[in-house]
Amino acid sequence: MSALTKNGQWQQAIDLFDLIFIRDGDSSSGLQADSFSYGAVLSACAKGRNWVRAFALFEEMKASGVKPNEFHYSSLMTACERAQQPRKAIEVFEEMQAKFSKVL
């Protein structure tokens, strides 16, 4: 997925994610998305300015038990910024700041 995204084929990266990982109760592939695969697909969404899909995947990631890290938040903010959604990017930043300031 990362290679596709880097080569400008971000939509194919998202399609690949949809194809190979268990989602919405479909266990036909047998693969569970992890932190790295969500990171790759969020990066693809950012490249494609697809902030709506990025938010949906981010929420799906959290619901599946994968804890977001700084890279996930950064990709989500980038998707918002590229799609000209500055308020959403600020909301994501504030959520990230609240989450990680408690760690320090």
N, C-alpha and C. Protein backbone atom coordinates (compact mmCIF):
# COMPACT_ATOMS: atom_id res chain seq x y z
N MET A 1 0.82 -1.18 0.00
CA MET A 1 0.00 0.00 0.00
C MET A 1 0.87 1.26 0.00
N SER A 2 1.92 1.22 0.77
CA SER A 2 2.81 2.38 0.81
C SER A 2 3.46 2.64 -0.55
N ALA A 3 3.88 1.58 -1.21
CA ALA A 3 4.51 1.73 -2.53
C ALA A 3 3.52 2.32 -3.54
N LEU A 4 2.28 1.86 -3.49
CA LEU A 4 1.26 2.41 -4.39
C LEU A 4 1.06 3.90 -4.11
N THR A 5 0.95 4.26 -2.84
CA THR A 5 0.74 5.66 -2.46
C THR A 5 1.91 6.52 -2.93
N LYS A 6 3.12 6.04 -2.71
CA LYS A 6 4.31 6.81 -3.10
C LYS A 6 4.38 7.02 -4.60
N ASN A 7 3.79 6.10 -5.36
CA ASN A 7 3.79 6.22 -6.82
C ASN A 7 2.54 6.91 -7.35
N GLY A 8 1.82 7.59 -6.47
CA GLY A 8 0.64 8.35 -6.90
C GLY A 8 -0.61 7.52 -7.11
N GLN A 9 -0.56 6.26 -6.74
CA GLN A 9 -1.71 5.38 -6.93
C GLN A 9 -2.44 5.19 -5.61
N TRP A 10 -2.80 6.31 -4.99
CA TRP A 10 -3.42 6.26 -3.67
C TRP A 10 -4.77 5.53 -3.68
N GLN A 11 -5.55 5.68 -4.73
CA GLN A 11 -6.86 5.00 -4.76
C GLN A 11 -6.67 3.49 -4.80
N GLN A 12 -5.68 3.02 -5.54
CA GLN A 12 -5.40 1.59 -5.57
C GLN A 12 -4.95 1.08 -4.20
N ALA A 13 -4.23 1.91 -3.45
CA ALA A 13 -3.82 1.53 -2.10
C ALA A 13 -5.04 1.35 -1.19
N ILE A 14 -5.99 2.26 -1.30
CA ILE A 14 -7.22 2.16 -0.50
C ILE A 14 -8.01 0.92 -0.92
N ASP A 15 -8.10 0.70 -2.23
CA ASP A 15 -8.82 -0.48 -2.73
C ASP A 15 -8.16 -1.77 -2.24
N LEU A 16 -6.83 -1.79 -2.22
CA LEU A 16 -6.11 -2.97 -1.74
C LEU A 16 -6.41 -3.22 -0.27
N PHE A 17 -6.41 -2.17 0.51
CA PHE A 17 -6.75 -2.29 1.94
C PHE A 17 -8.13 -2.91 2.09
N ASP A 18 -9.09 -2.40 1.33
CA ASP A 18 -10.46 -2.92 1.39
C ASP A 18 -10.52 -4.39 0.99
N LEU A 19 -9.68 -4.78 0.09
CA LEU A 19 -9.69 -6.14 -0.44
C LEU A 19 -9.08 -7.16 0.52
N ILE A 20 -8.00 -6.80 1.19
CA ILE A 20 -7.26 -7.84 1.91
C ILE A 20 -7.51 -7.92 3.42
N PHE A 21 -8.14 -6.93 4.01
CA PHE A 21 -8.30 -6.97 5.47
C PHE A 21 -9.73 -7.23 5.89
N ILE A 22 -9.85 -7.92 7.04
CA ILE A 22 -11.15 -8.20 7.64
C ILE A 22 -11.79 -6.87 8.04
N ARG A 23 -13.02 -6.68 7.59
CA ARG A 23 -13.72 -5.44 7.92
C ARG A 23 -15.20 -5.72 7.94
N ASP A 24 -15.90 -5.08 8.81
CA ASP A 24 -17.37 -5.19 8.88
C ASP A 24 -17.83 -6.64 8.99
N GLY A 25 -17.11 -7.44 9.75
CA GLY A 25 -17.50 -8.82 9.96
C GLY A 25 -17.17 -9.78 8.84
N ASP A 26 -16.56 -9.30 7.77
CA ASP A 26 -16.19 -10.17 6.65
C ASP A 26 -14.83 -10.79 6.94
N SER A 27 -14.82 -12.08 7.21
CA SER A 27 -13.56 -12.73 7.57
C SER A 27 -13.02 -13.61 6.44
N SER A 28 -13.43 -13.32 5.21
CA SER A 28 -13.01 -14.16 4.09
C SER A 28 -11.50 -14.13 3.85
N SER A 29 -10.85 -13.01 4.13
CA SER A 29 -9.41 -12.92 3.87
C SER A 29 -8.59 -13.51 5.01
N GLY A 30 -9.11 -13.45 6.21
CA GLY A 30 -8.38 -13.97 7.36
C GLY A 30 -7.31 -13.03 7.89
N LEU A 31 -7.16 -11.86 7.33
CA LEU A 31 -6.15 -10.90 7.78
C LEU A 31 -6.79 -9.79 8.59
N GLN A 32 -6.15 -9.44 9.69
CA GLN A 32 -6.63 -8.36 10.54
C GLN A 32 -5.75 -7.14 10.32
N ALA A 33 -6.33 -5.99 10.06
CA ALA A 33 -5.56 -4.76 9.88
C ALA A 33 -4.87 -4.40 11.19
N ASP A 34 -3.62 -3.94 11.09
CA ASP A 34 -2.86 -3.54 12.26
C ASP A 34 -2.47 -2.07 12.14
N SER A 35 -1.67 -1.61 13.08
CA SER A 35 -1.24 -0.21 13.11
C SER A 35 -0.56 0.21 11.81
N PHE A 36 0.29 -0.66 11.27
CA PHE A 36 1.02 -0.32 10.06
C PHE A 36 0.11 -0.24 8.84
N SER A 37 -0.83 -1.18 8.72
CA SER A 37 -1.73 -1.15 7.56
C SER A 37 -2.68 0.04 7.64
N TYR A 38 -3.16 0.37 8.85
CA TYR A 38 -3.99 1.58 8.97
C TYR A 38 -3.16 2.82 8.67
N GLY A 39 -1.91 2.84 9.10
CA GLY A 39 -1.05 3.98 8.78
C GLY A 39 -0.88 4.16 7.28
N ALA A 40 -0.70 3.05 6.58
CA ALA A 40 -0.52 3.12 5.13
C ALA A 40 -1.78 3.62 4.43
N VAL A 41 -2.93 3.13 4.86
CA VAL A 41 -4.17 3.55 4.19
C VAL A 41 -4.54 4.99 4.56
N LEU A 42 -4.23 5.41 5.78
CA LEU A 42 -4.47 6.82 6.14
C LEU A 42 -3.56 7.74 5.33
N SER A 43 -2.35 7.31 5.10
CA SER A 43 -1.43 8.08 4.26
C SER A 43 -1.96 8.18 2.83
N ALA A 44 -2.53 7.09 2.33
CA ALA A 44 -3.13 7.10 0.99
C ALA A 44 -4.30 8.08 0.93
N CYS A 45 -5.11 8.09 1.98
CA CYS A 45 -6.24 9.04 2.03
C CYS A 45 -5.73 10.47 2.03
N ALA A 46 -4.66 10.72 2.76
CA ALA A 46 -4.08 12.06 2.80
C ALA A 46 -3.60 12.47 1.42
N LYS A 47 -2.91 11.56 0.75
CA LYS A 47 -2.40 11.85 -0.60
C LYS A 47 -3.55 12.19 -1.55
N GLY A 48 -4.66 11.49 -1.38
CA GLY A 48 -5.81 11.70 -2.25
C GLY A 48 -6.80 12.75 -1.76
N ARG A 49 -6.45 13.46 -0.70
CA ARG A 49 -7.31 14.51 -0.14
C ARG A 49 -8.68 13.96 0.28
N ASN A 50 -8.71 12.70 0.66
CA ASN A 50 -9.97 12.05 1.01
C ASN A 50 -10.14 12.07 2.53
N TRP A 51 -10.48 13.23 3.07
CA TRP A 51 -10.57 13.39 4.51
C TRP A 51 -11.76 12.64 5.10
N VAL A 52 -12.84 12.51 4.38
CA VAL A 52 -14.01 11.80 4.89
C VAL A 52 -13.67 10.33 5.10
N ARG A 53 -13.03 9.72 4.12
CA ARG A 53 -12.64 8.32 4.23
C ARG A 53 -11.59 8.15 5.32
N ALA A 54 -10.68 9.10 5.43
CA ALA A 54 -9.65 9.04 6.47
C ALA A 54 -10.28 9.02 7.86
N PHE A 55 -11.28 9.87 8.08
CA PHE A 55 -11.96 9.89 9.38
C PHE A 55 -12.67 8.57 9.64
N ALA A 56 -13.33 8.02 8.63
CA ALA A 56 -14.04 6.75 8.80
C ALA A 56 -13.05 5.63 9.16
N LEU A 57 -11.92 5.59 8.47
CA LEU A 57 -10.92 4.57 8.75
C LEU A 57 -10.28 4.77 10.12
N PHE A 58 -10.08 6.01 10.50
CA PHE A 58 -9.50 6.32 11.81
C PHE A 58 -10.42 5.81 12.93
N GLU A 59 -11.71 6.07 12.78
CA GLU A 59 -12.68 5.60 13.77
C GLU A 59 -12.76 4.07 13.76
N GLU A 60 -12.72 3.47 12.59
CA GLU A 60 -12.72 2.01 12.47
C GLU A 60 -11.50 1.43 13.16
N MET A 61 -10.36 2.07 12.96
CA MET A 61 -9.12 1.62 13.57
C MET A 61 -9.25 1.61 15.09
N LYS A 62 -9.75 2.70 15.66
CA LYS A 62 -9.91 2.79 17.11
C LYS A 62 -10.91 1.74 17.61
N ALA A 63 -12.01 1.56 16.89
CA ALA A 63 -13.02 0.58 17.29
C ALA A 63 -12.50 -0.84 17.25
N SER A 64 -11.52 -1.10 16.37
CA SER A 64 -10.96 -2.45 16.26
C SER A 64 -9.89 -2.72 17.31
N GLY A 65 -9.58 -1.72 18.11
CA GLY A 65 -8.60 -1.90 19.18
C GLY A 65 -7.19 -1.47 18.84
N VAL A 66 -7.00 -0.93 17.65
CA VAL A 66 -5.68 -0.42 17.27
C VAL A 66 -5.56 1.00 17.79
N LYS A 67 -4.57 1.24 18.62
CA LYS A 67 -4.40 2.56 19.23
C LYS A 67 -3.68 3.49 18.27
N PRO A 68 -4.27 4.66 18.01
CA PRO A 68 -3.62 5.61 17.09
C PRO A 68 -2.34 6.20 17.70
N ASN A 69 -1.36 6.38 16.85
CA ASN A 69 -0.12 7.02 17.27
C ASN A 69 0.01 8.37 16.55
N GLU A 70 1.14 9.00 16.73
CA GLU A 70 1.36 10.32 16.14
C GLU A 70 1.29 10.29 14.62
N PHE A 71 1.77 9.21 14.01
CA PHE A 71 1.72 9.10 12.55
C PHE A 71 0.27 9.05 12.05
N HIS A 72 -0.58 8.30 12.74
CA HIS A 72 -1.99 8.21 12.34
C HIS A 72 -2.65 9.59 12.42
N TYR A 73 -2.42 10.27 13.52
CA TYR A 73 -2.98 11.62 13.67
C TYR A 73 -2.44 12.57 12.61
N SER A 74 -1.15 12.48 12.35
CA SER A 74 -0.54 13.34 11.35
C SER A 74 -1.14 13.11 9.96
N SER A 75 -1.34 11.86 9.60
CA SER A 75 -1.94 11.54 8.30
C SER A 75 -3.36 12.07 8.21
N LEU A 76 -4.09 11.95 9.31
CA LEU A 76 -5.46 12.46 9.34
C LEU A 76 -5.48 13.99 9.19
N MET A 77 -4.57 14.66 9.89
CA MET A 77 -4.48 16.12 9.76
C MET A 77 -4.08 16.53 8.35
N THR A 78 -3.17 15.79 7.74
CA THR A 78 -2.73 16.08 6.37
C THR A 78 -3.89 15.91 5.39
N ALA A 79 -4.68 14.87 5.58
CA ALA A 79 -5.85 14.67 4.71
C ALA A 79 -6.79 15.87 4.82
N CYS A 80 -7.00 16.36 6.03
CA CYS A 80 -7.86 17.53 6.24
C CYS A 80 -7.26 18.78 5.59
N GLU A 81 -5.97 18.98 5.81
CA GLU A 81 -5.29 20.16 5.26
C GLU A 81 -5.36 20.16 3.74
N ARG A 82 -5.08 19.03 3.12
CA ARG A 82 -5.07 18.95 1.66
C ARG A 82 -6.46 19.10 1.06
N ALA A 83 -7.47 18.74 1.85
CA ALA A 83 -8.86 18.88 1.38
C ALA A 83 -9.45 20.22 1.79
N GLN A 84 -8.60 21.11 2.29
CA GLN A 84 -9.02 22.44 2.71
C GLN A 84 -10.10 22.39 3.79
N GLN A 85 -9.82 21.59 4.81
CA GLN A 85 -10.69 21.46 5.97
C GLN A 85 -9.91 21.83 7.23
N PRO A 86 -9.54 23.12 7.36
CA PRO A 86 -8.67 23.51 8.48
C PRO A 86 -9.31 23.30 9.85
N ARG A 87 -10.61 23.49 9.97
CA ARG A 87 -11.25 23.29 11.28
C ARG A 87 -11.15 21.83 11.72
N LYS A 88 -11.33 20.92 10.77
CA LYS A 88 -11.21 19.49 11.09
C LYS A 88 -9.77 19.16 11.49
N ALA A 89 -8.81 19.74 10.78
CA ALA A 89 -7.40 19.51 11.11
C ALA A 89 -7.10 19.99 12.53
N ILE A 90 -7.63 21.13 12.90
CA ILE A 90 -7.43 21.67 14.25
C ILE A 90 -8.07 20.75 15.29
N GLU A 91 -9.27 20.23 15.00
CA GLU A 91 -9.93 19.30 15.91
C GLU A 91 -9.06 18.06 16.14
N VAL A 92 -8.50 17.54 15.07
CA VAL A 92 -7.64 16.36 15.17
C VAL A 92 -6.39 16.70 15.99
N PHE A 93 -5.81 17.86 15.73
CA PHE A 93 -4.62 18.28 16.47
C PHE A 93 -4.93 18.39 17.95
N GLU A 94 -6.06 18.98 18.29
CA GLU A 94 -6.43 19.14 19.70
C GLU A 94 -6.67 17.80 20.37
N GLU A 95 -7.28 16.85 19.64
CA GLU A 95 -7.48 15.51 20.19
C GLU A 95 -6.12 14.84 20.44
N MET A 96 -5.22 14.96 19.47
CA MET A 96 -3.90 14.38 19.61
C MET A 96 -3.15 15.01 20.77
N GLN A 97 -3.23 16.31 20.87
CA GLN A 97 -2.53 17.03 21.93
C GLN A 97 -3.05 16.58 23.30
N ALA A 98 -4.36 16.45 23.43
CA ALA A 98 -4.95 16.01 24.70
C ALA A 98 -4.52 14.58 25.04
N LYS A 99 -4.49 13.74 24.04
CA LYS A 99 -4.12 12.34 24.26
C LYS A 99 -2.66 12.19 24.68
N PHE A 100 -1.77 12.86 23.97
CA PHE A 100 -0.36 12.66 24.22
C PHE A 100 0.21 13.56 25.31
N SER A 101 -0.47 14.63 25.66
CA SER A 101 0.01 15.47 26.77
C SER A 101 -0.20 14.75 28.10
N LYS A 102 -1.17 13.83 28.16
CA LYS A 102 -1.40 13.06 29.37
C LYS A 102 -0.29 12.05 29.59
N VAL A 103 0.35 11.64 28.50
CA VAL A 103 1.42 10.66 28.59
C VAL A 103 2.67 11.28 29.20
N LEU A 104 2.91 12.53 28.87
CA LEU A 104 4.12 13.21 29.35
C LEU A 104 4.00 13.64 30.75
